[in-house]
Amino acid sequence: MSPTVSTSDLPTPTDGSEVISLLIPRSPFVAELGLRLTDITDGHAELVMPYRPELTTIGEMVHGGAISACADIGIMAAAWAGRPISDRLRGVTTAMSVNFISPLIADDLRIVADRLHNGNRLCHCTVDLISATAGTLVARATGTYQIG
């Protein structure tokens, strides 16, 4: 059974990086993907999705939907990373485009996300999704995230 997020159980975050650091290990969907946050700094986040046969399409090829979900989570993490927070801890991806470049075969996925523009409420981000062992670019995503 996946964990559930209850805001009453969470310490009060002081900035967006803490929001992500608290959310990632507690989100049921993120837990289903097995994602781990490995780095978060101002406008930058890195995560890893471990390879699991349950995430494949056929054989050992990781499903594009799992890769797209990782891109979305990367966009969210980069958008929040280092931002001051308000009393409204809400956010949503408003647009995302994923370009698939090469298959991910039986390997962990590195997610490297950067915030390109930090507006009052809208952030524009890019995400590189990389085969952890081979170092091959699997996909590149761009997205817009709204905070508040």
N, C-alpha and C. Protein backbone atom coordinates (compact mmCIF):
# COMPACT_ATOMS: atom_id res chain seq x y z
N MET A 1 0.84 -1.18 0.00
CA MET A 1 0.00 0.00 0.00
C MET A 1 0.89 1.24 0.00
N SER A 2 0.57 2.19 -0.86
CA SER A 2 1.34 3.42 -0.96
C SER A 2 1.00 4.36 0.18
N PRO A 3 1.97 5.22 0.55
CA PRO A 3 1.69 6.20 1.59
C PRO A 3 0.71 7.24 1.09
N THR A 4 0.04 7.92 1.99
CA THR A 4 -0.82 9.03 1.62
C THR A 4 -0.25 10.31 2.19
N VAL A 5 -0.57 11.41 1.54
CA VAL A 5 -0.06 12.71 1.98
C VAL A 5 -1.13 13.38 2.83
N SER A 6 -0.78 13.70 4.05
CA SER A 6 -1.66 14.47 4.93
C SER A 6 -0.88 15.70 5.36
N THR A 7 -1.38 16.87 4.99
CA THR A 7 -0.64 18.10 5.29
C THR A 7 -0.48 18.32 6.79
N SER A 8 -1.36 17.75 7.60
CA SER A 8 -1.22 17.93 9.05
C SER A 8 -0.01 17.16 9.59
N ASP A 9 0.46 16.16 8.85
CA ASP A 9 1.62 15.38 9.28
C ASP A 9 2.95 16.00 8.87
N LEU A 10 2.91 17.05 8.06
CA LEU A 10 4.13 17.62 7.50
C LEU A 10 4.61 18.81 8.31
N PRO A 11 5.94 18.95 8.44
CA PRO A 11 6.47 20.18 9.02
C PRO A 11 6.18 21.34 8.05
N THR A 12 6.20 22.55 8.54
CA THR A 12 5.95 23.71 7.69
C THR A 12 7.20 24.02 6.87
N PRO A 13 7.09 23.95 5.54
CA PRO A 13 8.26 24.22 4.70
C PRO A 13 8.59 25.71 4.69
N THR A 14 9.87 26.03 4.50
CA THR A 14 10.30 27.42 4.47
C THR A 14 10.52 27.93 3.05
N ASP A 15 10.69 27.03 2.09
CA ASP A 15 10.82 27.43 0.69
C ASP A 15 10.37 26.27 -0.20
N GLY A 16 10.36 26.54 -1.51
CA GLY A 16 9.89 25.55 -2.46
C GLY A 16 10.70 24.27 -2.49
N SER A 17 12.01 24.37 -2.22
CA SER A 17 12.84 23.16 -2.18
C SER A 17 12.39 22.23 -1.07
N GLU A 18 12.03 22.81 0.07
CA GLU A 18 11.52 21.99 1.18
C GLU A 18 10.16 21.38 0.85
N VAL A 19 9.33 22.13 0.12
CA VAL A 19 8.04 21.59 -0.32
C VAL A 19 8.27 20.30 -1.09
N ILE A 20 9.18 20.34 -2.06
CA ILE A 20 9.46 19.17 -2.90
C ILE A 20 10.11 18.07 -2.08
N SER A 21 11.05 18.42 -1.22
CA SER A 21 11.72 17.41 -0.38
C SER A 21 10.74 16.69 0.53
N LEU A 22 9.69 17.38 0.96
CA LEU A 22 8.66 16.75 1.79
C LEU A 22 7.66 15.96 0.96
N LEU A 23 7.34 16.46 -0.23
CA LEU A 23 6.32 15.82 -1.07
C LEU A 23 6.80 14.53 -1.72
N ILE A 24 7.99 14.55 -2.31
CA ILE A 24 8.46 13.41 -3.10
C ILE A 24 8.37 12.08 -2.34
N PRO A 25 8.87 11.97 -1.13
CA PRO A 25 8.78 10.67 -0.46
C PRO A 25 7.39 10.31 0.07
N ARG A 26 6.45 11.27 0.01
CA ARG A 26 5.12 11.02 0.58
C ARG A 26 4.01 10.86 -0.46
N SER A 27 4.28 11.19 -1.70
CA SER A 27 3.25 11.13 -2.74
C SER A 27 3.01 9.69 -3.18
N PRO A 28 1.77 9.21 -3.13
CA PRO A 28 1.49 7.83 -3.55
C PRO A 28 1.89 7.55 -5.00
N PHE A 29 1.64 8.49 -5.91
CA PHE A 29 1.99 8.26 -7.32
C PHE A 29 3.50 8.21 -7.50
N VAL A 30 4.20 9.13 -6.86
CA VAL A 30 5.67 9.14 -6.94
C VAL A 30 6.22 7.85 -6.36
N ALA A 31 5.64 7.37 -5.27
CA ALA A 31 6.07 6.11 -4.66
C ALA A 31 5.85 4.94 -5.61
N GLU A 32 4.75 4.97 -6.36
CA GLU A 32 4.45 3.91 -7.33
C GLU A 32 5.54 3.84 -8.39
N LEU A 33 6.08 4.99 -8.79
CA LEU A 33 7.16 5.03 -9.77
C LEU A 33 8.52 4.72 -9.13
N GLY A 34 8.60 4.81 -7.81
CA GLY A 34 9.86 4.56 -7.11
C GLY A 34 10.84 5.71 -7.17
N LEU A 35 10.36 6.91 -7.51
CA LEU A 35 11.25 8.06 -7.68
C LEU A 35 11.93 8.47 -6.39
N ARG A 36 13.21 8.85 -6.53
CA ARG A 36 13.99 9.39 -5.41
C ARG A 36 14.56 10.74 -5.83
N LEU A 37 14.43 11.72 -4.97
CA LEU A 37 15.04 13.03 -5.19
C LEU A 37 16.51 12.93 -4.81
N THR A 38 17.41 13.27 -5.73
CA THR A 38 18.84 13.16 -5.44
C THR A 38 19.53 14.52 -5.30
N ASP A 39 18.90 15.59 -5.84
CA ASP A 39 19.50 16.92 -5.72
C ASP A 39 18.41 17.96 -5.95
N ILE A 40 18.46 19.02 -5.17
CA ILE A 40 17.55 20.14 -5.41
C ILE A 40 18.24 21.42 -4.96
N THR A 41 18.36 22.35 -5.90
CA THR A 41 18.93 23.68 -5.64
C THR A 41 18.02 24.68 -6.34
N ASP A 42 18.33 25.94 -6.26
CA ASP A 42 17.48 26.98 -6.84
C ASP A 42 17.25 26.73 -8.33
N GLY A 43 16.03 26.39 -8.69
CA GLY A 43 15.67 26.19 -10.09
C GLY A 43 16.17 24.91 -10.72
N HIS A 44 16.66 23.99 -9.92
CA HIS A 44 17.24 22.74 -10.46
C HIS A 44 16.86 21.57 -9.55
N ALA A 45 16.50 20.46 -10.18
CA ALA A 45 16.20 19.25 -9.42
C ALA A 45 16.65 18.03 -10.21
N GLU A 46 17.12 17.02 -9.49
CA GLU A 46 17.48 15.75 -10.10
C GLU A 46 16.81 14.63 -9.32
N LEU A 47 16.29 13.67 -10.06
CA LEU A 47 15.62 12.51 -9.47
C LEU A 47 16.07 11.27 -10.21
N VAL A 48 15.77 10.11 -9.64
CA VAL A 48 16.06 8.83 -10.29
C VAL A 48 14.81 7.96 -10.18
N MET A 49 14.46 7.32 -11.31
CA MET A 49 13.42 6.29 -11.30
C MET A 49 14.12 4.96 -11.53
N PRO A 50 14.13 4.07 -10.52
CA PRO A 50 14.76 2.76 -10.70
C PRO A 50 13.98 1.92 -11.72
N TYR A 51 14.71 1.14 -12.49
CA TYR A 51 14.07 0.22 -13.43
C TYR A 51 13.31 -0.85 -12.66
N ARG A 52 12.09 -1.11 -13.12
CA ARG A 52 11.28 -2.21 -12.60
C ARG A 52 10.50 -2.81 -13.76
N PRO A 53 10.39 -4.13 -13.83
CA PRO A 53 9.64 -4.75 -14.93
C PRO A 53 8.19 -4.26 -15.02
N GLU A 54 7.60 -3.84 -13.91
CA GLU A 54 6.22 -3.35 -13.92
C GLU A 54 6.05 -2.07 -14.72
N LEU A 55 7.14 -1.39 -15.03
CA LEU A 55 7.08 -0.12 -15.77
C LEU A 55 7.34 -0.30 -17.26
N THR A 56 7.39 -1.53 -17.73
CA THR A 56 7.72 -1.78 -19.14
C THR A 56 6.47 -1.90 -20.01
N THR A 57 6.69 -1.67 -21.30
CA THR A 57 5.65 -1.87 -22.30
C THR A 57 5.64 -3.32 -22.73
N ILE A 58 6.81 -3.79 -23.16
CA ILE A 58 7.00 -5.17 -23.58
C ILE A 58 8.50 -5.46 -23.43
N GLY A 59 8.81 -6.67 -23.09
CA GLY A 59 10.22 -6.99 -22.87
C GLY A 59 10.78 -6.13 -21.75
N GLU A 60 11.89 -5.48 -22.02
CA GLU A 60 12.54 -4.64 -21.01
C GLU A 60 12.47 -3.15 -21.34
N MET A 61 11.60 -2.77 -22.30
CA MET A 61 11.47 -1.37 -22.71
C MET A 61 10.52 -0.63 -21.76
N VAL A 62 11.03 0.42 -21.12
CA VAL A 62 10.23 1.21 -20.18
C VAL A 62 9.15 1.98 -20.95
N HIS A 63 7.95 1.96 -20.42
CA HIS A 63 6.78 2.58 -21.05
C HIS A 63 6.94 4.10 -21.13
N GLY A 64 6.56 4.66 -22.27
CA GLY A 64 6.63 6.10 -22.47
C GLY A 64 5.80 6.89 -21.47
N GLY A 65 4.71 6.30 -20.99
CA GLY A 65 3.88 6.98 -19.99
C GLY A 65 4.62 7.16 -18.67
N ALA A 66 5.42 6.17 -18.30
CA ALA A 66 6.23 6.29 -17.07
C ALA A 66 7.28 7.38 -17.25
N ILE A 67 7.87 7.43 -18.44
CA ILE A 67 8.88 8.46 -18.74
C ILE A 67 8.23 9.84 -18.74
N SER A 68 7.05 9.96 -19.34
CA SER A 68 6.33 11.25 -19.35
C SER A 68 5.96 11.69 -17.94
N ALA A 69 5.54 10.74 -17.11
CA ALA A 69 5.21 11.07 -15.72
C ALA A 69 6.44 11.61 -15.00
N CYS A 70 7.60 11.02 -15.27
CA CYS A 70 8.85 11.51 -14.67
C CYS A 70 9.16 12.92 -15.14
N ALA A 71 8.89 13.22 -16.41
CA ALA A 71 9.10 14.57 -16.92
C ALA A 71 8.20 15.56 -16.18
N ASP A 72 6.95 15.19 -15.99
CA ASP A 72 5.99 16.05 -15.28
C ASP A 72 6.45 16.32 -13.85
N ILE A 73 6.90 15.30 -13.17
CA ILE A 73 7.37 15.45 -11.79
C ILE A 73 8.64 16.29 -11.76
N GLY A 74 9.51 16.12 -12.75
CA GLY A 74 10.71 16.95 -12.86
C GLY A 74 10.37 18.42 -13.05
N ILE A 75 9.38 18.70 -13.90
CA ILE A 75 8.93 20.07 -14.11
C ILE A 75 8.44 20.67 -12.79
N MET A 76 7.62 19.92 -12.08
CA MET A 76 7.11 20.38 -10.79
C MET A 76 8.27 20.69 -9.83
N ALA A 77 9.23 19.78 -9.74
CA ALA A 77 10.34 19.95 -8.80
C ALA A 77 11.18 21.17 -9.14
N ALA A 78 11.51 21.35 -10.43
CA ALA A 78 12.33 22.50 -10.83
C ALA A 78 11.57 23.81 -10.62
N ALA A 79 10.26 23.80 -10.88
CA ALA A 79 9.46 25.01 -10.71
C ALA A 79 9.46 25.47 -9.25
N TRP A 80 9.31 24.54 -8.32
CA TRP A 80 9.27 24.87 -6.89
C TRP A 80 10.66 25.13 -6.31
N ALA A 81 11.70 24.55 -6.88
CA ALA A 81 13.04 24.55 -6.28
C ALA A 81 13.55 25.96 -5.98
N GLY A 82 13.73 26.24 -4.69
CA GLY A 82 14.30 27.50 -4.25
C GLY A 82 13.35 28.69 -4.23
N ARG A 83 12.12 28.50 -4.69
CA ARG A 83 11.15 29.61 -4.70
C ARG A 83 10.68 29.92 -3.28
N PRO A 84 10.42 31.19 -3.00
CA PRO A 84 9.73 31.50 -1.75
C PRO A 84 8.30 30.95 -1.84
N ILE A 85 7.72 30.61 -0.72
CA ILE A 85 6.37 30.06 -0.75
C ILE A 85 5.38 31.03 -0.13
N SER A 86 4.15 30.92 -0.57
CA SER A 86 3.07 31.72 0.00
C SER A 86 2.19 30.80 0.83
N ASP A 87 1.06 31.31 1.25
CA ASP A 87 0.16 30.49 2.06
C ASP A 87 -0.61 29.48 1.21
N ARG A 88 -0.52 29.58 -0.11
CA ARG A 88 -1.21 28.64 -1.01
C ARG A 88 -0.20 27.66 -1.59
N LEU A 89 -0.13 26.49 -1.01
CA LEU A 89 0.78 25.46 -1.51
C LEU A 89 0.08 24.64 -2.58
N ARG A 90 -0.16 25.29 -3.72
CA ARG A 90 -0.80 24.61 -4.83
C ARG A 90 0.00 24.81 -6.09
N GLY A 91 -0.06 23.84 -6.96
CA GLY A 91 0.60 23.96 -8.24
C GLY A 91 0.03 22.97 -9.24
N VAL A 92 0.23 23.29 -10.52
CA VAL A 92 -0.27 22.41 -11.57
C VAL A 92 0.56 22.62 -12.84
N THR A 93 0.84 21.53 -13.53
CA THR A 93 1.46 21.62 -14.85
C THR A 93 0.37 22.09 -15.81
N THR A 94 0.62 23.21 -16.51
CA THR A 94 -0.38 23.74 -17.43
C THR A 94 -0.10 23.35 -18.88
N ALA A 95 1.14 22.99 -19.18
CA ALA A 95 1.49 22.54 -20.53
C ALA A 95 2.76 21.71 -20.45
N MET A 96 2.84 20.68 -21.30
CA MET A 96 4.04 19.85 -21.33
C MET A 96 4.16 19.22 -22.71
N SER A 97 5.38 19.18 -23.20
CA SER A 97 5.69 18.51 -24.46
C SER A 97 6.88 17.59 -24.23
N VAL A 98 6.77 16.35 -24.68
CA VAL A 98 7.86 15.38 -24.51
C VAL A 98 8.30 14.89 -25.89
N ASN A 99 9.58 15.00 -26.16
CA ASN A 99 10.16 14.44 -27.38
C ASN A 99 10.96 13.21 -27.00
N PHE A 100 10.53 12.06 -27.50
CA PHE A 100 11.23 10.80 -27.22
C PHE A 100 12.34 10.63 -28.25
N ILE A 101 13.53 10.31 -27.76
CA ILE A 101 14.71 10.26 -28.62
C ILE A 101 15.24 8.85 -28.77
N SER A 102 15.31 8.10 -27.68
CA SER A 102 15.79 6.71 -27.75
C SER A 102 15.09 5.90 -26.66
N PRO A 103 14.99 4.59 -26.84
CA PRO A 103 14.29 3.77 -25.84
C PRO A 103 15.12 3.63 -24.56
N LEU A 104 14.41 3.45 -23.46
CA LEU A 104 15.05 3.13 -22.18
C LEU A 104 14.86 1.63 -21.97
N ILE A 105 15.96 0.90 -22.02
CA ILE A 105 15.91 -0.55 -21.93
C ILE A 105 16.56 -1.00 -20.63
N ALA A 106 15.76 -1.59 -19.74
CA ALA A 106 16.24 -2.21 -18.50
C ALA A 106 17.29 -1.38 -17.77
N ASP A 107 17.01 -0.09 -17.59
CA ASP A 107 17.97 0.80 -16.92
C ASP A 107 17.20 1.81 -16.08
N ASP A 108 17.87 2.31 -15.05
CA ASP A 108 17.31 3.40 -14.26
C ASP A 108 17.24 4.65 -15.12
N LEU A 109 16.33 5.55 -14.77
CA LEU A 109 16.16 6.80 -15.50
C LEU A 109 16.58 7.96 -14.62
N ARG A 110 17.53 8.76 -15.11
CA ARG A 110 17.91 10.01 -14.43
C ARG A 110 17.04 11.13 -14.97
N ILE A 111 16.52 11.93 -14.08
CA ILE A 111 15.66 13.06 -14.44
C ILE A 111 16.40 14.32 -14.02
N VAL A 112 16.76 15.16 -14.99
CA VAL A 112 17.52 16.38 -14.72
C VAL A 112 16.65 17.55 -15.19
N ALA A 113 16.15 18.33 -14.23
CA ALA A 113 15.17 19.37 -14.54
C ALA A 113 15.69 20.75 -14.15
N ASP A 114 15.43 21.72 -15.03
CA ASP A 114 15.86 23.09 -14.78
C ASP A 114 14.73 24.07 -15.06
N ARG A 115 14.64 25.09 -14.22
CA ARG A 115 13.69 26.17 -14.43
C ARG A 115 14.36 27.20 -15.32
N LEU A 116 13.76 27.49 -16.47
CA LEU A 116 14.32 28.45 -17.41
C LEU A 116 13.84 29.87 -17.13
N HIS A 117 12.60 29.99 -16.68
CA HIS A 117 12.01 31.30 -16.39
C HIS A 117 11.15 31.18 -15.14
N ASN A 118 11.31 32.15 -14.25
CA ASN A 118 10.59 32.15 -12.98
C ASN A 118 9.70 33.38 -12.91
N GLY A 119 8.45 33.25 -13.32
CA GLY A 119 7.52 34.37 -13.25
C GLY A 119 6.85 34.43 -11.88
N ASN A 120 5.91 35.34 -11.74
CA ASN A 120 5.18 35.45 -10.47
C ASN A 120 4.44 34.16 -10.14
N ARG A 121 3.76 33.60 -11.13
CA ARG A 121 3.03 32.35 -10.91
C ARG A 121 3.41 31.26 -11.90
N LEU A 122 3.86 31.63 -13.10
CA LEU A 122 4.21 30.64 -14.12
C LEU A 122 5.71 30.46 -14.22
N CYS A 123 6.12 29.21 -14.29
CA CYS A 123 7.53 28.85 -14.46
C CYS A 123 7.65 28.01 -15.73
N HIS A 124 8.68 28.27 -16.50
CA HIS A 124 8.96 27.47 -17.69
C HIS A 124 10.18 26.61 -17.40
N CYS A 125 10.06 25.32 -17.67
CA CYS A 125 11.10 24.36 -17.29
C CYS A 125 11.45 23.44 -18.44
N THR A 126 12.64 22.85 -18.35
CA THR A 126 13.07 21.83 -19.29
C THR A 126 13.56 20.63 -18.48
N VAL A 127 13.39 19.45 -19.05
CA VAL A 127 13.79 18.22 -18.37
C VAL A 127 14.50 17.31 -19.36
N ASP A 128 15.69 16.85 -18.99
CA ASP A 128 16.38 15.80 -19.74
C ASP A 128 16.18 14.50 -18.99
N LEU A 129 15.77 13.47 -19.72
CA LEU A 129 15.55 12.14 -19.16
C LEU A 129 16.60 11.23 -19.76
N ILE A 130 17.47 10.70 -18.91
CA ILE A 130 18.72 10.07 -19.35
C ILE A 130 18.83 8.65 -18.81
N SER A 131 19.26 7.75 -19.68
CA SER A 131 19.55 6.37 -19.26
C SER A 131 20.73 6.42 -18.29
N ALA A 132 20.52 5.96 -17.06
CA ALA A 132 21.52 6.13 -16.00
C ALA A 132 22.85 5.45 -16.31
N THR A 133 22.82 4.24 -16.82
CA THR A 133 24.06 3.51 -17.07
C THR A 133 24.72 3.94 -18.38
N ALA A 134 23.94 4.00 -19.45
CA ALA A 134 24.49 4.32 -20.76
C ALA A 134 24.75 5.82 -20.94
N GLY A 135 24.04 6.66 -20.20
CA GLY A 135 24.18 8.10 -20.36
C GLY A 135 23.47 8.63 -21.59
N THR A 136 22.64 7.81 -22.22
CA THR A 136 21.93 8.18 -23.44
C THR A 136 20.72 9.05 -23.13
N LEU A 137 20.53 10.09 -23.94
CA LEU A 137 19.34 10.92 -23.79
C LEU A 137 18.13 10.13 -24.30
N VAL A 138 17.20 9.87 -23.41
CA VAL A 138 15.99 9.10 -23.73
C VAL A 138 14.89 10.03 -24.23
N ALA A 139 14.73 11.17 -23.57
CA ALA A 139 13.69 12.13 -23.95
C ALA A 139 14.06 13.50 -23.41
N ARG A 140 13.48 14.51 -24.03
CA ARG A 140 13.61 15.88 -23.54
C ARG A 140 12.20 16.47 -23.48
N ALA A 141 11.91 17.11 -22.36
CA ALA A 141 10.58 17.68 -22.17
C ALA A 141 10.69 19.16 -21.83
N THR A 142 9.69 19.90 -22.23
CA THR A 142 9.54 21.29 -21.80
C THR A 142 8.15 21.42 -21.20
N GLY A 143 8.01 22.33 -20.26
CA GLY A 143 6.71 22.49 -19.65
C GLY A 143 6.55 23.80 -18.92
N THR A 144 5.31 24.14 -18.68
CA THR A 144 4.95 25.32 -17.92
C THR A 144 4.21 24.87 -16.67
N TYR A 145 4.59 25.43 -15.54
CA TYR A 145 4.02 25.04 -14.26
C TYR A 145 3.50 26.30 -13.57
N GLN A 146 2.29 26.23 -13.04
CA GLN A 146 1.69 27.35 -12.31
C GLN A 146 1.72 27.07 -10.82
N ILE A 147 2.24 28.02 -10.07
CA ILE A 147 2.30 27.90 -8.61
C ILE A 147 1.33 28.90 -7.99
N GLY A 148 0.54 28.44 -7.02
CA GLY A 148 -0.38 29.31 -6.29
C GLY A 148 -1.77 29.29 -6.86
